[in-house]
PDB file of N, CA and C in Angstrom:
ATOM      1  N   MET A   1      16.182  33.741  72.047  1.00  0.00           N
ATOM      2  CA  MET A   1      14.992  34.575  72.168  1.00  0.00           C
ATOM      3  C   MET A   1      15.014  35.635  71.076  1.00  0.00           C
ATOM      4  N   SER A   2      13.913  35.752  70.371  1.00  0.00           N
ATOM      5  CA  SER A   2      13.857  36.776  69.334  1.00  0.00           C
ATOM      6  C   SER A   2      13.520  38.126  69.964  1.00  0.00           C
ATOM      7  N   THR A   3      13.949  39.169  69.300  1.00  0.00           N
ATOM      8  CA  THR A   3      13.733  40.510  69.809  1.00  0.00           C
ATOM      9  C   THR A   3      12.317  40.969  69.504  1.00  0.00           C
ATOM     10  N   SER A   4      11.657  41.536  70.518  1.00  0.00           N
ATOM     11  CA  SER A   4      10.334  42.104  70.300  1.00  0.00           C
ATOM     12  C   SER A   4      10.474  43.495  69.707  1.00  0.00           C
ATOM     13  N   THR A   5       9.538  43.845  68.817  1.00  0.00           N
ATOM     14  CA  THR A   5       9.531  45.169  68.196  1.00  0.00           C
ATOM     15  C   THR A   5       8.424  46.005  68.809  1.00  0.00           C
ATOM     16  N   ILE A   6       8.791  47.216  69.236  1.00  0.00           N
ATOM     17  CA  ILE A   6       7.853  48.129  69.876  1.00  0.00           C
ATOM     18  C   ILE A   6       7.730  49.386  69.022  1.00  0.00           C
ATOM     19  N   LEU A   7       6.503  49.760  68.716  1.00  0.00           N
ATOM     20  CA  LEU A   7       6.234  51.021  68.014  1.00  0.00           C
ATOM     21  C   LEU A   7       5.927  52.080  69.068  1.00  0.00           C
ATOM     22  N   VAL A   8       6.792  53.090  69.158  1.00  0.00           N
ATOM     23  CA  VAL A   8       6.639  54.173  70.128  1.00  0.00           C
ATOM     24  C   VAL A   8       6.064  55.393  69.416  1.00  0.00           C
ATOM     25  N   VAL A   9       4.898  55.856  69.895  1.00  0.00           N
ATOM     26  CA  VAL A   9       4.247  57.025  69.310  1.00  0.00           C
ATOM     27  C   VAL A   9       4.222  58.120  70.371  1.00  0.00           C
ATOM     28  N   GLU A  10       4.971  59.178  70.118  1.00  0.00           N
ATOM     29  CA  GLU A  10       5.130  60.270  71.086  1.00  0.00           C
ATOM     30  C   GLU A  10       5.476  61.527  70.304  1.00  0.00           C
ATOM     31  N   ASP A  11       4.707  62.608  70.513  1.00  0.00           N
ATOM     32  CA  ASP A  11       4.935  63.833  69.738  1.00  0.00           C
ATOM     33  C   ASP A  11       6.073  64.691  70.288  1.00  0.00           C
ATOM     34  N   ASP A  12       6.447  64.497  71.541  1.00  0.00           N
ATOM     35  CA  ASP A  12       7.557  65.259  72.113  1.00  0.00           C
ATOM     36  C   ASP A  12       8.864  64.550  71.741  1.00  0.00           C
ATOM     37  N   ASN A  13       9.672  65.217  70.906  1.00  0.00           N
ATOM     38  CA  ASN A  13      10.891  64.586  70.383  1.00  0.00           C
ATOM     39  C   ASN A  13      11.834  64.113  71.474  1.00  0.00           C
ATOM     40  N   ILE A  14      12.000  64.905  72.532  1.00  0.00           N
ATOM     41  CA  ILE A  14      12.932  64.550  73.599  1.00  0.00           C
ATOM     42  C   ILE A  14      12.414  63.348  74.380  1.00  0.00           C
ATOM     43  N   VAL A  15      11.133  63.366  74.715  1.00  0.00           N
ATOM     44  CA  VAL A  15      10.546  62.234  75.445  1.00  0.00           C
ATOM     45  C   VAL A  15      10.624  60.966  74.598  1.00  0.00           C
ATOM     46  N   ARG A  16      10.282  61.087  73.301  1.00  0.00           N
ATOM     47  CA  ARG A  16      10.346  59.932  72.407  1.00  0.00           C
ATOM     48  C   ARG A  16      11.772  59.384  72.341  1.00  0.00           C
ATOM     49  N   MET A  17      12.749  60.264  72.210  1.00  0.00           N
ATOM     50  CA  MET A  17      14.139  59.843  72.129  1.00  0.00           C
ATOM     51  C   MET A  17      14.553  59.097  73.404  1.00  0.00           C
ATOM     52  N   LEU A  18      14.143  59.602  74.554  1.00  0.00           N
ATOM     53  CA  LEU A  18      14.488  58.953  75.821  1.00  0.00           C
ATOM     54  C   LEU A  18      13.860  57.563  75.922  1.00  0.00           C
ATOM     55  N   ILE A  19      12.585  57.448  75.561  1.00  0.00           N
ATOM     56  CA  ILE A  19      11.899  56.154  75.607  1.00  0.00           C
ATOM     57  C   ILE A  19      12.579  55.169  74.655  1.00  0.00           C
ATOM     58  N   VAL A  20      12.862  55.627  73.439  1.00  0.00           N
ATOM     59  CA  VAL A  20      13.516  54.770  72.443  1.00  0.00           C
ATOM     60  C   VAL A  20      14.882  54.312  72.953  1.00  0.00           C
ATOM     61  N   ASP A  21      15.656  55.248  73.523  1.00  0.00           N
ATOM     62  CA  ASP A  21      16.979  54.891  74.045  1.00  0.00           C
ATOM     63  C   ASP A  21      16.875  53.815  75.118  1.00  0.00           C
ATOM     64  N   VAL A  22      15.936  53.977  76.040  1.00  0.00           N
ATOM     65  CA  VAL A  22      15.763  53.000  77.120  1.00  0.00           C
ATOM     66  C   VAL A  22      15.371  51.637  76.548  1.00  0.00           C
ATOM     67  N   LEU A  23      14.408  51.629  75.645  1.00  0.00           N
ATOM     68  CA  LEU A  23      13.947  50.355  75.077  1.00  0.00           C
ATOM     69  C   LEU A  23      15.054  49.667  74.283  1.00  0.00           C
ATOM     70  N   GLU A  24      15.850  50.456  73.564  1.00  0.00           N
ATOM     71  CA  GLU A  24      16.965  49.867  72.815  1.00  0.00           C
ATOM     72  C   GLU A  24      18.030  49.321  73.764  1.00  0.00           C
ATOM     73  N   GLU A  25      18.272  50.016  74.880  1.00  0.00           N
ATOM     74  CA  GLU A  25      19.203  49.506  75.898  1.00  0.00           C
ATOM     75  C   GLU A  25      18.717  48.156  76.432  1.00  0.00           C
ATOM     76  N   LEU A  26      17.395  47.992  76.507  1.00  0.00           N
ATOM     77  CA  LEU A  26      16.801  46.747  76.986  1.00  0.00           C
ATOM     78  C   LEU A  26      16.722  45.698  75.866  1.00  0.00           C
ATOM     79  N   GLU A  27      17.330  46.033  74.718  1.00  0.00           N
ATOM     80  CA  GLU A  27      17.463  45.142  73.572  1.00  0.00           C
ATOM     81  C   GLU A  27      16.159  44.856  72.833  1.00  0.00           C
ATOM     82  N   TYR A  28      15.269  45.842  72.852  1.00  0.00           N
ATOM     83  CA  TYR A  28      14.078  45.770  72.006  1.00  0.00           C
ATOM     84  C   TYR A  28      14.407  46.465  70.689  1.00  0.00           C
ATOM     85  N   SER A  29      13.727  46.031  69.649  1.00  0.00           N
ATOM     86  CA  SER A  29      13.797  46.730  68.377  1.00  0.00           C
ATOM     87  C   SER A  29      12.701  47.792  68.430  1.00  0.00           C
ATOM     88  N   VAL A  30      13.019  49.031  68.057  1.00  0.00           N
ATOM     89  CA  VAL A  30      12.066  50.127  68.240  1.00  0.00           C
ATOM     90  C   VAL A  30      11.795  50.857  66.927  1.00  0.00           C
ATOM     91  N   LEU A  31      10.516  51.073  66.656  1.00  0.00           N
ATOM     92  CA  LEU A  31      10.067  51.925  65.557  1.00  0.00           C
ATOM     93  C   LEU A  31       9.492  53.179  66.182  1.00  0.00           C
ATOM     94  N   GLU A  32       9.606  54.312  65.490  1.00  0.00           N
ATOM     95  CA  GLU A  32       9.148  55.580  66.061  1.00  0.00           C
ATOM     96  C   GLU A  32       8.150  56.282  65.156  1.00  0.00           C
ATOM     97  N   ALA A  33       7.192  56.957  65.808  1.00  0.00           N
ATOM     98  CA  ALA A  33       6.259  57.816  65.077  1.00  0.00           C
ATOM     99  C   ALA A  33       5.964  59.022  65.961  1.00  0.00           C
ATOM    100  N   GLU A  34       5.788  60.194  65.311  1.00  0.00           N
ATOM    101  CA  GLU A  34       5.540  61.405  66.089  1.00  0.00           C
ATOM    102  C   GLU A  34       4.057  61.767  66.162  1.00  0.00           C
ATOM    103  N   ASP A  35       3.230  61.052  65.406  1.00  0.00           N
ATOM    104  CA  ASP A  35       1.795  61.327  65.448  1.00  0.00           C
ATOM    105  C   ASP A  35       1.025  60.093  64.993  1.00  0.00           C
ATOM    106  N   GLY A  36      -0.287  60.167  65.104  1.00  0.00           N
ATOM    107  CA  GLY A  36      -1.125  59.028  64.771  1.00  0.00           C
ATOM    108  C   GLY A  36      -1.018  58.607  63.326  1.00  0.00           C
ATOM    109  N   GLU A  37      -0.954  59.572  62.427  1.00  0.00           N
ATOM    110  CA  GLU A  37      -0.932  59.244  60.994  1.00  0.00           C
ATOM    111  C   GLU A  37       0.330  58.472  60.626  1.00  0.00           C
ATOM    112  N   SER A  38       1.481  58.907  61.115  1.00  0.00           N
ATOM    113  CA  SER A  38       2.712  58.174  60.783  1.00  0.00           C
ATOM    114  C   SER A  38       2.732  56.811  61.476  1.00  0.00           C
ATOM    115  N   ALA A  39       2.120  56.705  62.649  1.00  0.00           N
ATOM    116  CA  ALA A  39       2.020  55.397  63.318  1.00  0.00           C
ATOM    117  C   ALA A  39       1.150  54.448  62.501  1.00  0.00           C
ATOM    118  N   LEU A  40       0.036  54.957  61.997  1.00  0.00           N
ATOM    119  CA  LEU A  40      -0.860  54.112  61.202  1.00  0.00           C
ATOM    120  C   LEU A  40      -0.193  53.661  59.902  1.00  0.00           C
ATOM    121  N   ALA A  41       0.637  54.519  59.322  1.00  0.00           N
ATOM    122  CA  ALA A  41       1.364  54.128  58.103  1.00  0.00           C
ATOM    123  C   ALA A  41       2.257  52.924  58.389  1.00  0.00           C
ATOM    124  N   ILE A  42       2.910  52.922  59.549  1.00  0.00           N
ATOM    125  CA  ILE A  42       3.755  51.793  59.940  1.00  0.00           C
ATOM    126  C   ILE A  42       2.888  50.561  60.199  1.00  0.00           C
ATOM    127  N   LEU A  43       1.779  50.757  60.911  1.00  0.00           N
ATOM    128  CA  LEU A  43       0.890  49.636  61.241  1.00  0.00           C
ATOM    129  C   LEU A  43       0.261  49.003  60.005  1.00  0.00           C
ATOM    130  N   ARG A  44       0.040  49.808  58.964  1.00  0.00           N
ATOM    131  CA  ARG A  44      -0.577  49.288  57.734  1.00  0.00           C
ATOM    132  C   ARG A  44       0.379  48.411  56.927  1.00  0.00           C
ATOM    133  N   ASP A  45       1.684  48.544  57.192  1.00  0.00           N
ATOM    134  CA  ASP A  45       2.679  47.749  56.465  1.00  0.00           C
ATOM    135  C   ASP A  45       2.701  46.339  57.046  1.00  0.00           C
ATOM    136  N   GLU A  46       2.082  45.414  56.334  1.00  0.00           N
ATOM    137  CA  GLU A  46       1.941  44.051  56.845  1.00  0.00           C
ATOM    138  C   GLU A  46       3.264  43.307  56.930  1.00  0.00           C
ATOM    139  N   MET A  47       4.296  43.812  56.287  1.00  0.00           N
ATOM    140  CA  MET A  47       5.611  43.173  56.350  1.00  0.00           C
ATOM    141  C   MET A  47       6.348  43.540  57.645  1.00  0.00           C
ATOM    142  N   THR A  48       5.855  44.550  58.356  1.00  0.00           N
ATOM    143  CA  THR A  48       6.493  44.994  59.588  1.00  0.00           C
ATOM    144  C   THR A  48       5.862  44.289  60.781  1.00  0.00           C
ATOM    145  N   THR A  49       6.689  43.555  61.513  1.00  0.00           N
ATOM    146  CA  THR A  49       6.219  42.881  62.717  1.00  0.00           C
ATOM    147  C   THR A  49       6.275  43.858  63.884  1.00  0.00           C
ATOM    148  N   ILE A  50       5.171  43.954  64.614  1.00  0.00           N
ATOM    149  CA  ILE A  50       5.113  44.820  65.795  1.00  0.00           C
ATOM    150  C   ILE A  50       4.516  43.992  66.936  1.00  0.00           C
ATOM    151  N   HIS A  51       5.203  43.977  68.070  1.00  0.00           N
ATOM    152  CA  HIS A  51       4.745  43.205  69.218  1.00  0.00           C
ATOM    153  C   HIS A  51       4.016  44.055  70.246  1.00  0.00           C
ATOM    154  N   LEU A  52       4.244  45.385  70.201  1.00  0.00           N
ATOM    155  CA  LEU A  52       3.629  46.284  71.183  1.00  0.00           C
ATOM    156  C   LEU A  52       3.522  47.684  70.603  1.00  0.00           C
ATOM    157  N   LEU A  53       2.367  48.302  70.810  1.00  0.00           N
ATOM    158  CA  LEU A  53       2.173  49.721  70.482  1.00  0.00           C
ATOM    159  C   LEU A  53       2.222  50.483  71.796  1.00  0.00           C
ATOM    160  N   MET A  54       3.207  51.372  71.938  1.00  0.00           N
ATOM    161  CA  MET A  54       3.288  52.244  73.109  1.00  0.00           C
ATOM    162  C   MET A  54       3.010  53.654  72.629  1.00  0.00           C
ATOM    163  N   THR A  55       1.912  54.229  73.118  1.00  0.00           N
ATOM    164  CA  THR A  55       1.516  55.544  72.617  1.00  0.00           C
ATOM    165  C   THR A  55       1.199  56.520  73.733  1.00  0.00           C
ATOM    166  N   ASP A  56       1.538  57.769  73.478  1.00  0.00           N
ATOM    167  CA  ASP A  56       1.122  58.872  74.335  1.00  0.00           C
ATOM    168  C   ASP A  56      -0.390  59.014  74.154  1.00  0.00           C
ATOM    169  N   GLN A  57      -1.079  59.475  75.173  1.00  0.00           N
ATOM    170  CA  GLN A  57      -2.520  59.686  75.034  1.00  0.00           C
ATOM    171  C   GLN A  57      -2.807  60.960  74.237  1.00  0.00           C
ATOM    172  N   GLY A  58      -2.006  62.012  74.448  1.00  0.00           N
ATOM    173  CA  GLY A  58      -2.235  63.279  73.757  1.00  0.00           C
ATOM    174  C   GLY A  58      -1.326  63.436  72.564  1.00  0.00           C
ATOM    175  N   LEU A  59      -1.868  63.197  71.372  1.00  0.00           N
ATOM    176  CA  LEU A  59      -1.096  63.351  70.136  1.00  0.00           C
ATOM    177  C   LEU A  59      -1.653  64.543  69.359  1.00  0.00           C
ATOM    178  N   PRO A  60      -0.845  65.147  68.474  1.00  0.00           N
ATOM    179  CA  PRO A  60      -1.307  66.354  67.778  1.00  0.00           C
ATOM    180  C   PRO A  60      -2.515  66.128  66.868  1.00  0.00           C
ATOM    181  N   ASP A  61      -2.649  64.912  66.315  1.00  0.00           N
ATOM    182  CA  ASP A  61      -3.707  64.691  65.331  1.00  0.00           C
ATOM    183  C   ASP A  61      -4.791  63.715  65.791  1.00  0.00           C
ATOM    184  N   THR A  62      -4.652  63.151  66.983  1.00  0.00           N
ATOM    185  CA  THR A  62      -5.626  62.182  67.472  1.00  0.00           C
ATOM    186  C   THR A  62      -5.365  61.933  68.946  1.00  0.00           C
ATOM    187  N   THR A  63      -6.126  61.028  69.536  1.00  0.00           N
ATOM    188  CA  THR A  63      -5.833  60.602  70.903  1.00  0.00           C
ATOM    189  C   THR A  63      -5.200  59.216  70.851  1.00  0.00           C
ATOM    190  N   GLY A  64      -4.523  58.858  71.912  1.00  0.00           N
ATOM    191  CA  GLY A  64      -3.962  57.517  71.995  1.00  0.00           C
ATOM    192  C   GLY A  64      -5.044  56.457  71.893  1.00  0.00           C
ATOM    193  N   PHE A  65      -6.211  56.740  72.511  1.00  0.00           N
ATOM    194  CA  PHE A  65      -7.314  55.774  72.461  1.00  0.00           C
ATOM    195  C   PHE A  65      -7.802  55.559  71.034  1.00  0.00           C
ATOM    196  N   GLU A  66      -7.940  56.651  70.284  1.00  0.00           N
ATOM    197  CA  GLU A  66      -8.389  56.541  68.894  1.00  0.00           C
ATOM    198  C   GLU A  66      -7.348  55.790  68.060  1.00  0.00           C
ATOM    199  N   LEU A  67      -6.079  56.102  68.277  1.00  0.00           N
ATOM    200  CA  LEU A  67      -5.015  55.399  67.571  1.00  0.00           C
ATOM    201  C   LEU A  67      -5.066  53.903  67.904  1.00  0.00           C
ATOM    202  N   ALA A  68      -5.253  53.576  69.170  1.00  0.00           N
ATOM    203  CA  ALA A  68      -5.322  52.171  69.584  1.00  0.00           C
ATOM    204  C   ALA A  68      -6.491  51.464  68.913  1.00  0.00           C
ATOM    205  N   HIS A  69      -7.628  52.163  68.829  1.00  0.00           N
ATOM    206  CA  HIS A  69      -8.805  51.583  68.172  1.00  0.00           C
ATOM    207  C   HIS A  69      -8.492  51.271  66.702  1.00  0.00           C
ATOM    208  N   GLN A  70      -7.881  52.229  66.010  1.00  0.00           N
ATOM    209  CA  GLN A  70      -7.533  52.024  64.608  1.00  0.00           C
ATOM    210  C   GLN A  70      -6.464  50.937  64.468  1.00  0.00           C
ATOM    211  N   ALA A  71      -5.504  50.907  65.395  1.00  0.00           N
ATOM    212  CA  ALA A  71      -4.453  49.891  65.353  1.00  0.00           C
ATOM    213  C   ALA A  71      -5.047  48.499  65.519  1.00  0.00           C
ATOM    214  N   ARG A  72      -6.023  48.370  66.409  1.00  0.00           N
ATOM    215  CA  ARG A  72      -6.641  47.066  66.653  1.00  0.00           C
ATOM    216  C   ARG A  72      -7.501  46.627  65.460  1.00  0.00           C
ATOM    217  N   GLN A  73      -7.975  47.574  64.654  1.00  0.00           N
ATOM    218  CA  GLN A  73      -8.697  47.194  63.439  1.00  0.00           C
ATOM    219  C   GLN A  73      -7.722  46.594  62.419  1.00  0.00           C
ATOM    220  N   LEU A  74      -6.481  47.074  62.440  1.00  0.00           N
ATOM    221  CA  LEU A  74      -5.453  46.569  61.531  1.00  0.00           C
ATOM    222  C   LEU A  74      -4.790  45.309  62.069  1.00  0.00           C
ATOM    223  N   ARG A  75      -4.583  45.267  63.368  1.00  0.00           N
ATOM    224  CA  ARG A  75      -3.886  44.159  64.042  1.00  0.00           C
ATOM    225  C   ARG A  75      -4.651  43.844  65.326  1.00  0.00           C
ATOM    226  N   ALA A  76      -5.574  42.925  65.215  1.00  0.00           N
ATOM    227  CA  ALA A  76      -6.559  42.682  66.281  1.00  0.00           C
ATOM    228  C   ALA A  76      -5.960  42.300  67.630  1.00  0.00           C
ATOM    229  N   THR A  77      -4.815  41.647  67.625  1.00  0.00           N
ATOM    230  CA  THR A  77      -4.264  41.155  68.889  1.00  0.00           C
ATOM    231  C   THR A  77      -3.101  41.997  69.417  1.00  0.00           C
ATOM    232  N   LEU A  78      -2.851  43.147  68.798  1.00  0.00           N
ATOM    233  CA  LEU A  78      -1.705  43.963  69.192  1.00  0.00           C
ATOM    234  C   LEU A  78      -1.868  44.514  70.606  1.00  0.00           C
ATOM    235  N   PRO A  79      -0.919  44.216  71.515  1.00  0.00           N
ATOM    236  CA  PRO A  79      -0.979  44.825  72.845  1.00  0.00           C
ATOM    237  C   PRO A  79      -0.724  46.330  72.743  1.00  0.00           C
ATOM    238  N   VAL A  80      -1.419  47.086  73.597  1.00  0.00           N
ATOM    239  CA  VAL A  80      -1.290  48.543  73.602  1.00  0.00           C
ATOM    240  C   VAL A  80      -0.933  49.008  75.003  1.00  0.00           C
ATOM    241  N   LEU A  81       0.073  49.877  75.079  1.00  0.00           N
ATOM    242  CA  LEU A  81       0.487  50.492  76.337  1.00  0.00           C
ATOM    243  C   LEU A  81       0.377  52.007  76.178  1.00  0.00           C
ATOM    244  N   PHE A  82      -0.496  52.624  76.978  1.00  0.00           N
ATOM    245  CA  PHE A  82      -0.637  54.078  76.961  1.00  0.00           C
ATOM    246  C   PHE A  82       0.330  54.679  77.965  1.00  0.00           C
ATOM    247  N   ALA A  83       0.959  55.788  77.585  1.00  0.00           N
ATOM    248  CA  ALA A  83       1.801  56.553  78.504  1.00  0.00           C
ATOM    249  C   ALA A  83       1.126  57.910  78.662  1.00  0.00           C
ATOM    250  N   SER A  84       0.849  58.287  79.914  1.00  0.00           N
ATOM    251  CA  SER A  84       0.144  59.547  80.109  1.00  0.00           C
ATOM    252  C   SER A  84       0.531  60.195  81.425  1.00  0.00           C
ATOM    253  N   GLY A  85       0.636  61.510  81.389  1.00  0.00           N
ATOM    254  CA  GLY A  85       0.849  62.277  82.607  1.00  0.00           C
ATOM    255  C   GLY A  85      -0.432  62.433  83.395  1.00  0.00           C
ATOM    256  N   TYR A  86      -1.538  61.983  82.829  1.00  0.00           N
ATOM    257  CA  TYR A  86      -2.843  62.090  83.493  1.00  0.00           C
ATOM    258  C   TYR A  86      -3.401  60.710  83.765  1.00  0.00           C
ATOM    259  N   SER A  87      -2.527  59.782  84.150  1.00  0.00           N
ATOM    260  CA  SER A  87      -2.915  58.373  84.244  1.00  0.00           C
ATOM    261  C   SER A  87      -4.036  58.135  85.246  1.00  0.00           C
ATOM    262  N   GLU A  88      -4.102  58.959  86.296  1.00  0.00           N
ATOM    263  CA  GLU A  88      -5.130  58.718  87.303  1.00  0.00           C
ATOM    264  C   GLU A  88      -6.538  59.034  86.806  1.00  0.00           C
ATOM    265  N   THR A  89      -6.634  59.785  85.717  1.00  0.00           N
ATOM    266  CA  THR A  89      -7.957  60.141  85.200  1.00  0.00           C
ATOM    267  C   THR A  89      -8.353  59.330  83.971  1.00  0.00           C
ATOM    268  N   LEU A  90      -7.463  58.454  83.516  1.00  0.00           N
ATOM    269  CA  LEU A  90      -7.753  57.694  82.304  1.00  0.00           C
ATOM    270  C   LEU A  90      -8.454  56.386  82.625  1.00  0.00           C
ATOM    271  N   ASP A  91      -9.469  56.083  81.847  1.00  0.00           N
ATOM    272  CA  ASP A  91     -10.150  54.809  81.940  1.00  0.00           C
ATOM    273  C   ASP A  91      -9.694  53.990  80.730  1.00  0.00           C
ATOM    274  N   VAL A  92      -8.757  53.091  80.962  1.00  0.00           N
ATOM    275  CA  VAL A  92      -8.118  52.361  79.867  1.00  0.00           C
ATOM    276  C   VAL A  92      -9.048  51.264  79.346  1.00  0.00           C
ATOM    277  N   PRO A  93      -9.178  51.157  78.022  1.00  0.00           N
ATOM    278  CA  PRO A  93     -10.022  50.103  77.445  1.00  0.00           C
ATOM    279  C   PRO A  93      -9.558  48.713  77.881  1.00  0.00           C
ATOM    280  N   PRO A  94     -10.490  47.768  77.944  1.00  0.00           N
ATOM    281  CA  PRO A  94     -10.149  46.404  78.344  1.00  0.00           C
ATOM    282  C   PRO A  94      -9.043  45.816  77.463  1.00  0.00           C
ATOM    283  N   GLY A  95      -8.137  45.094  78.091  1.00  0.00           N
ATOM    284  CA  GLY A  95      -7.064  44.448  77.354  1.00  0.00           C
ATOM    285  C   GLY A  95      -5.926  45.376  76.979  1.00  0.00           C
ATOM    286  N   MET A  96      -5.988  46.621  77.442  1.00  0.00           N
ATOM    287  CA  MET A  96      -4.922  47.574  77.169  1.00  0.00           C
ATOM    288  C   MET A  96      -4.291  47.983  78.501  1.00  0.00           C
ATOM    289  N   HIS A  97      -3.129  48.612  78.435  1.00  0.00           N
ATOM    290  CA  HIS A  97      -2.336  48.869  79.632  1.00  0.00           C
ATOM    291  C   HIS A  97      -1.947  50.340  79.715  1.00  0.00           C
ATOM    292  N   LEU A  98      -1.522  50.756  80.917  1.00  0.00           N
ATOM    293  CA  LEU A  98      -1.213  52.162  81.162  1.00  0.00           C
ATOM    294  C   LEU A  98       0.037  52.285  82.016  1.00  0.00           C
ATOM    295  N   ILE A  99       0.883  53.243  81.668  1.00  0.00           N
ATOM    296  CA  ILE A  99       1.998  53.625  82.526  1.00  0.00           C
ATOM    297  C   ILE A  99       1.936  55.138  82.683  1.00  0.00           C
ATOM    298  N   GLY A 100       2.038  55.601  83.928  1.00  0.00           N
ATOM    299  CA  GLY A 100       1.947  57.041  84.198  1.00  0.00           C
ATOM    300  C   GLY A 100       3.274  57.733  83.977  1.00  0.00           C
ATOM    301  N   LYS A 101       3.203  58.932  83.385  1.00  0.00           N
ATOM    302  CA  LYS A 101       4.401  59.763  83.217  1.00  0.00           C
ATOM    303  C   LYS A 101       4.487  60.693  84.428  1.00  0.00           C
ATOM    304  N   PRO A 102       5.658  61.015  84.914  1.00  0.00           N
ATOM    305  CA  PRO A 102       6.935  60.451  84.463  1.00  0.00           C
ATOM    306  C   PRO A 102       7.124  59.049  85.044  1.00  0.00           C
ATOM    307  N   PHE A 103       7.846  58.206  84.311  1.00  0.00           N
ATOM    308  CA  PHE A 103       8.135  56.866  84.805  1.00  0.00           C
ATOM    309  C   PHE A 103       9.638  56.650  84.804  1.00  0.00           C
ATOM    310  N   SER A 104      10.080  55.750  85.677  1.00  0.00           N
ATOM    311  CA  SER A 104      11.509  55.442  85.744  1.00  0.00           C
ATOM    312  C   SER A 104      11.853  54.388  84.687  1.00  0.00           C
ATOM    313  N   ILE A 105      13.132  54.231  84.460  1.00  0.00           N
ATOM    314  CA  ILE A 105      13.591  53.191  83.534  1.00  0.00           C
ATOM    315  C   ILE A 105      13.111  51.827  84.008  1.00  0.00           C
ATOM    316  N   ASP A 106      13.221  51.585  85.318  1.00  0.00           N
ATOM    317  CA  ASP A 106      12.790  50.298  85.865  1.00  0.00           C
ATOM    318  C   ASP A 106      11.290  50.091  85.687  1.00  0.00           C
ATOM    319  N   GLN A 107      10.508  51.137  85.909  1.00  0.00           N
ATOM    320  CA  GLN A 107       9.051  51.015  85.725  1.00  0.00           C
ATOM    321  C   GLN A 107       8.721  50.694  84.273  1.00  0.00           C
ATOM    322  N   LEU A 108       9.400  51.370  83.340  1.00  0.00           N
ATOM    323  CA  LEU A 108       9.156  51.125  81.920  1.00  0.00           C
ATOM    324  C   LEU A 108       9.549  49.693  81.562  1.00  0.00           C
ATOM    325  N   ARG A 109      10.719  49.258  81.999  1.00  0.00           N
ATOM    326  CA  ARG A 109      11.176  47.893  81.723  1.00  0.00           C
ATOM    327  C   ARG A 109      10.167  46.870  82.254  1.00  0.00           C
ATOM    328  N   ASP A 110       9.763  47.026  83.512  1.00  0.00           N
ATOM    329  CA  ASP A 110       8.859  46.052  84.129  1.00  0.00           C
ATOM    330  C   ASP A 110       7.500  46.037  83.446  1.00  0.00           C
ATOM    331  N   LYS A 111       6.990  47.218  83.083  1.00  0.00           N
ATOM    332  CA  LYS A 111       5.678  47.299  82.444  1.00  0.00           C
ATOM    333  C   LYS A 111       5.715  46.663  81.059  1.00  0.00           C
ATOM    334  N   VAL A 112       6.738  46.984  80.277  1.00  0.00           N
ATOM    335  CA  VAL A 112       6.854  46.425  78.923  1.00  0.00           C
ATOM    336  C   VAL A 112       6.989  44.902  78.998  1.00  0.00           C
ATOM    337  N   LYS A 113       7.823  44.416  79.912  1.00  0.00           N
ATOM    338  CA  LYS A 113       7.993  42.968  80.053  1.00  0.00           C
ATOM    339  C   LYS A 113       6.679  42.297  80.440  1.00  0.00           C
ATOM    340  N   SER A 114       5.938  42.918  81.349  1.00  0.00           N
ATOM    341  CA  SER A 114       4.672  42.280  81.773  1.00  0.00           C
ATOM    342  C   SER A 114       3.651  42.293  80.647  1.00  0.00           C
ATOM    343  N   VAL A 115       3.588  43.388  79.875  1.00  0.00           N
ATOM    344  CA  VAL A 115       2.635  43.456  78.762  1.00  0.00           C
ATOM    345  C   VAL A 115       2.996  42.426  77.690  1.00  0.00           C
ATOM    346  N   LEU A 116       4.279  42.240  77.454  1.00  0.00           N
ATOM    347  CA  LEU A 116       4.736  41.300  76.439  1.00  0.00           C
ATOM    348  C   LEU A 116       4.798  39.864  76.964  1.00  0.00           C
ATOM    349  N   GLY A 117       4.479  39.679  78.246  1.00  0.00           N
ATOM    350  CA  GLY A 117       4.485  38.341  78.820  1.00  0.00           C
ATOM    351  C   GLY A 117       5.869  37.766  79.008  1.00  0.00           C
ATOM    352  N   GLN A 118       6.849  38.658  79.265  1.00  0.00           N
ATOM    353  CA  GLN A 118       8.227  38.204  79.427  1.00  0.00           C
ATOM    354  C   GLN A 118       8.688  38.298  80.873  1.00  0.00           C
ATOM    355  N   ALA A 119       7.767  38.473  81.786  1.00  0.00           N
ATOM    356  CA  ALA A 119       8.136  38.664  83.197  1.00  0.00           C
ATOM    357  C   ALA A 119       8.839  37.436  83.757  1.00  0.00           C
TER     358      ALA A 119
END
């Protein structure tokens, strides 16, 4: 089985580090970005394979939804997983997924596996 690559976009350094650590423990390859612009720079690199975009909804320079829209213009079939502390108020675009913060390691593992179709 080849390793899936996940791009994690989160402006809080500690939260991002924790998510990355968990995903790496689960044997995913992880790329990191602290804002929308650095995430888009990674997404624009056609040599970089990305299987999942996991983004916070509240970023310093954009929203997760706007980032997802731009990401889908670059990579039309890229699965998107939003992480938000306000999950009950978010209306997630069709074909995209949501995990509420705070989430457990098990919740993150199960959600990522289901989004990637590895359940």
